[in-house]
N, C-alpha and C. Protein backbone atom coordinates (compact mmCIF):
# COMPACT_ATOMS: atom_id res chain seq x y z
N MET A 1 -5.67 -8.82 -3.57
CA MET A 1 -5.86 -8.12 -4.80
C MET A 1 -4.61 -8.35 -5.64
N ARG A 2 -4.85 -8.55 -6.93
CA ARG A 2 -3.77 -8.73 -7.89
C ARG A 2 -3.98 -7.75 -9.04
N ILE A 3 -2.88 -7.21 -9.54
CA ILE A 3 -2.95 -6.27 -10.66
C ILE A 3 -1.99 -6.75 -11.74
N TYR A 4 -2.51 -6.86 -12.96
CA TYR A 4 -1.72 -7.31 -14.10
C TYR A 4 -1.71 -6.21 -15.16
N HIS A 5 -0.56 -6.01 -15.77
CA HIS A 5 -0.44 -5.04 -16.87
C HIS A 5 0.15 -5.78 -18.06
N THR A 6 -0.64 -5.91 -19.13
CA THR A 6 -0.20 -6.64 -20.31
C THR A 6 -0.66 -5.92 -21.57
N ASN A 7 0.26 -5.59 -22.43
CA ASN A 7 -0.07 -4.99 -23.73
C ASN A 7 -1.00 -3.79 -23.62
N GLY A 8 -0.74 -2.89 -22.67
CA GLY A 8 -1.55 -1.68 -22.54
C GLY A 8 -2.88 -1.87 -21.84
N VAL A 9 -3.11 -3.04 -21.26
CA VAL A 9 -4.36 -3.32 -20.55
C VAL A 9 -4.03 -3.67 -19.10
N VAL A 10 -4.79 -3.10 -18.18
CA VAL A 10 -4.63 -3.38 -16.75
C VAL A 10 -5.83 -4.20 -16.28
N THR A 11 -5.55 -5.27 -15.56
CA THR A 11 -6.60 -6.08 -14.94
C THR A 11 -6.38 -6.06 -13.44
N VAL A 12 -7.42 -5.69 -12.70
CA VAL A 12 -7.40 -5.71 -11.24
C VAL A 12 -8.34 -6.84 -10.83
N ALA A 13 -7.83 -7.79 -10.05
CA ALA A 13 -8.63 -8.96 -9.67
C ALA A 13 -8.56 -9.18 -8.16
N TRP A 14 -9.67 -9.69 -7.60
CA TRP A 14 -9.70 -10.06 -6.19
C TRP A 14 -10.66 -11.21 -6.01
N GLU A 15 -10.41 -12.00 -4.96
CA GLU A 15 -11.18 -13.23 -4.74
C GLU A 15 -12.65 -12.97 -4.47
N LYS A 16 -13.49 -13.88 -4.93
CA LYS A 16 -14.93 -13.77 -4.69
C LYS A 16 -15.29 -13.84 -3.22
N THR A 17 -14.37 -14.30 -2.39
CA THR A 17 -14.65 -14.34 -0.95
C THR A 17 -14.75 -12.93 -0.38
N ALA A 18 -14.36 -11.91 -1.15
CA ALA A 18 -14.46 -10.50 -0.72
C ALA A 18 -15.81 -9.91 -1.16
N GLU A 19 -16.85 -10.70 -1.12
CA GLU A 19 -18.20 -10.25 -1.46
C GLU A 19 -18.57 -9.03 -0.63
N GLY A 20 -19.13 -8.02 -1.27
CA GLY A 20 -19.55 -6.81 -0.56
C GLY A 20 -18.50 -5.72 -0.52
N TRP A 21 -17.27 -6.01 -0.92
CA TRP A 21 -16.24 -4.99 -1.01
C TRP A 21 -16.37 -4.28 -2.35
N VAL A 22 -15.95 -3.02 -2.39
CA VAL A 22 -15.99 -2.26 -3.64
C VAL A 22 -14.58 -1.82 -4.01
N LEU A 23 -14.37 -1.68 -5.30
CA LEU A 23 -13.08 -1.24 -5.82
C LEU A 23 -13.06 0.28 -5.89
N GLU A 24 -11.99 0.88 -5.41
CA GLU A 24 -11.82 2.32 -5.48
C GLU A 24 -10.51 2.64 -6.19
N ARG A 25 -10.47 3.84 -6.79
CA ARG A 25 -9.30 4.21 -7.59
C ARG A 25 -9.00 5.70 -7.40
N THR A 26 -7.72 6.03 -7.37
CA THR A 26 -7.28 7.42 -7.37
C THR A 26 -6.00 7.52 -8.20
N ASN A 27 -5.65 8.73 -8.61
CA ASN A 27 -4.45 8.88 -9.43
C ASN A 27 -3.29 9.52 -8.67
N ALA A 28 -3.48 9.82 -7.38
CA ALA A 28 -2.41 10.41 -6.58
C ALA A 28 -2.55 9.98 -5.13
N LEU A 29 -1.44 9.91 -4.44
CA LEU A 29 -1.42 9.57 -3.02
C LEU A 29 -0.75 10.72 -2.26
N PRO A 30 -1.46 11.83 -2.09
CA PRO A 30 -0.87 12.98 -1.38
C PRO A 30 -0.76 12.71 0.12
N HIS A 31 -0.12 13.62 0.81
CA HIS A 31 0.07 13.48 2.26
C HIS A 31 -1.20 13.77 3.05
N VAL A 32 -2.19 14.35 2.40
CA VAL A 32 -3.46 14.63 3.07
C VAL A 32 -4.51 13.63 2.60
N THR A 33 -5.55 13.46 3.37
CA THR A 33 -6.62 12.53 3.02
C THR A 33 -7.40 13.07 1.82
N VAL A 34 -7.54 12.26 0.83
CA VAL A 34 -8.33 12.61 -0.35
C VAL A 34 -9.36 11.52 -0.58
N PRO A 35 -10.45 11.84 -1.25
CA PRO A 35 -11.44 10.81 -1.53
C PRO A 35 -10.92 9.79 -2.54
N TRP A 36 -11.37 8.59 -2.37
CA TRP A 36 -11.10 7.51 -3.32
C TRP A 36 -12.43 7.22 -4.03
N PRO A 37 -12.61 7.70 -5.25
CA PRO A 37 -13.86 7.42 -5.96
C PRO A 37 -14.03 5.91 -6.22
N GLN A 38 -15.27 5.48 -6.10
CA GLN A 38 -15.58 4.07 -6.34
C GLN A 38 -15.59 3.80 -7.85
N VAL A 39 -15.02 2.67 -8.22
CA VAL A 39 -15.16 2.17 -9.59
C VAL A 39 -16.49 1.43 -9.59
N PRO A 40 -17.49 1.96 -10.30
CA PRO A 40 -18.84 1.40 -10.15
C PRO A 40 -18.97 -0.04 -10.65
N PRO A 41 -19.67 -0.86 -9.85
CA PRO A 41 -19.99 -2.21 -10.33
C PRO A 41 -21.05 -2.11 -11.42
N PRO A 42 -21.37 -3.16 -12.10
CA PRO A 42 -20.97 -4.53 -11.79
C PRO A 42 -19.56 -4.81 -12.29
N TYR A 43 -18.88 -5.70 -11.56
CA TYR A 43 -17.55 -6.14 -11.94
C TYR A 43 -17.69 -7.46 -12.69
N GLN A 44 -16.71 -7.75 -13.51
CA GLN A 44 -16.72 -9.03 -14.22
C GLN A 44 -16.38 -10.13 -13.21
N THR A 45 -16.77 -11.36 -13.54
CA THR A 45 -16.48 -12.49 -12.65
C THR A 45 -16.06 -13.70 -13.46
N ASN A 46 -15.36 -14.59 -12.79
CA ASN A 46 -15.11 -15.93 -13.30
C ASN A 46 -15.34 -16.88 -12.13
N SER A 47 -14.88 -18.08 -12.20
CA SER A 47 -15.19 -19.05 -11.15
C SER A 47 -14.57 -18.70 -9.79
N ALA A 48 -13.50 -17.92 -9.77
CA ALA A 48 -12.82 -17.63 -8.50
C ALA A 48 -12.74 -16.16 -8.13
N ASP A 49 -12.86 -15.26 -9.10
CA ASP A 49 -12.55 -13.86 -8.86
C ASP A 49 -13.59 -12.88 -9.38
N PHE A 50 -13.57 -11.68 -8.78
CA PHE A 50 -14.14 -10.48 -9.40
C PHE A 50 -12.97 -9.82 -10.11
N PHE A 51 -13.22 -9.11 -11.21
CA PHE A 51 -12.12 -8.40 -11.85
C PHE A 51 -12.63 -7.26 -12.70
N LEU A 52 -11.72 -6.33 -12.95
CA LEU A 52 -11.96 -5.17 -13.79
C LEU A 52 -10.82 -5.11 -14.79
N THR A 53 -11.16 -4.92 -16.05
CA THR A 53 -10.16 -4.76 -17.10
C THR A 53 -10.35 -3.39 -17.72
N THR A 54 -9.25 -2.63 -17.85
CA THR A 54 -9.32 -1.27 -18.38
C THR A 54 -8.04 -0.96 -19.14
N ASN A 55 -8.08 0.03 -20.00
CA ASN A 55 -6.86 0.48 -20.66
C ASN A 55 -5.91 1.07 -19.63
N ALA A 56 -4.64 0.85 -19.83
CA ALA A 56 -3.64 1.40 -18.92
C ALA A 56 -3.71 2.92 -18.94
N PRO A 57 -3.65 3.56 -17.77
CA PRO A 57 -3.72 5.03 -17.74
C PRO A 57 -2.43 5.64 -18.26
N MET A 58 -2.51 6.91 -18.65
CA MET A 58 -1.32 7.62 -19.10
C MET A 58 -0.42 7.98 -17.91
N GLY A 59 -1.00 8.16 -16.74
CA GLY A 59 -0.23 8.48 -15.53
C GLY A 59 -0.39 7.38 -14.50
N ASN A 60 -0.42 7.78 -13.24
CA ASN A 60 -0.56 6.82 -12.14
C ASN A 60 -2.00 6.39 -11.95
N ALA A 61 -2.16 5.21 -11.41
CA ALA A 61 -3.47 4.70 -10.98
C ALA A 61 -3.23 3.83 -9.76
N PHE A 62 -3.93 4.14 -8.68
CA PHE A 62 -3.83 3.37 -7.45
C PHE A 62 -5.21 2.79 -7.15
N PHE A 63 -5.25 1.52 -6.77
CA PHE A 63 -6.49 0.83 -6.49
C PHE A 63 -6.49 0.31 -5.07
N ARG A 64 -7.69 0.22 -4.49
CA ARG A 64 -7.85 -0.42 -3.19
C ARG A 64 -9.25 -1.00 -3.11
N LEU A 65 -9.41 -1.96 -2.19
CA LEU A 65 -10.73 -2.49 -1.89
C LEU A 65 -11.22 -1.85 -0.61
N HIS A 66 -12.51 -1.56 -0.56
CA HIS A 66 -13.11 -0.89 0.61
C HIS A 66 -14.41 -1.60 0.97
N LYS A 67 -14.59 -1.86 2.25
CA LYS A 67 -15.82 -2.49 2.74
C LYS A 67 -16.71 -1.37 3.27
N PRO A 68 -17.78 -0.99 2.52
CA PRO A 68 -18.65 0.10 2.96
C PRO A 68 -19.44 -0.25 4.22
């Protein structure tokens, strides 16, 4: 997974070989287990990657890939 931040826009990208994985996002990483809500597909694609482009958040944003 790669994350780019440019001019107030965040792009999260991962290889197409990760077919079937879903992107999840949370705004905090507490010491206890918390749910990671799924960023709903469909995701954008190009020849090599899946990706999501969004405005940069005002606070924290943490992303992960999850294989359901």
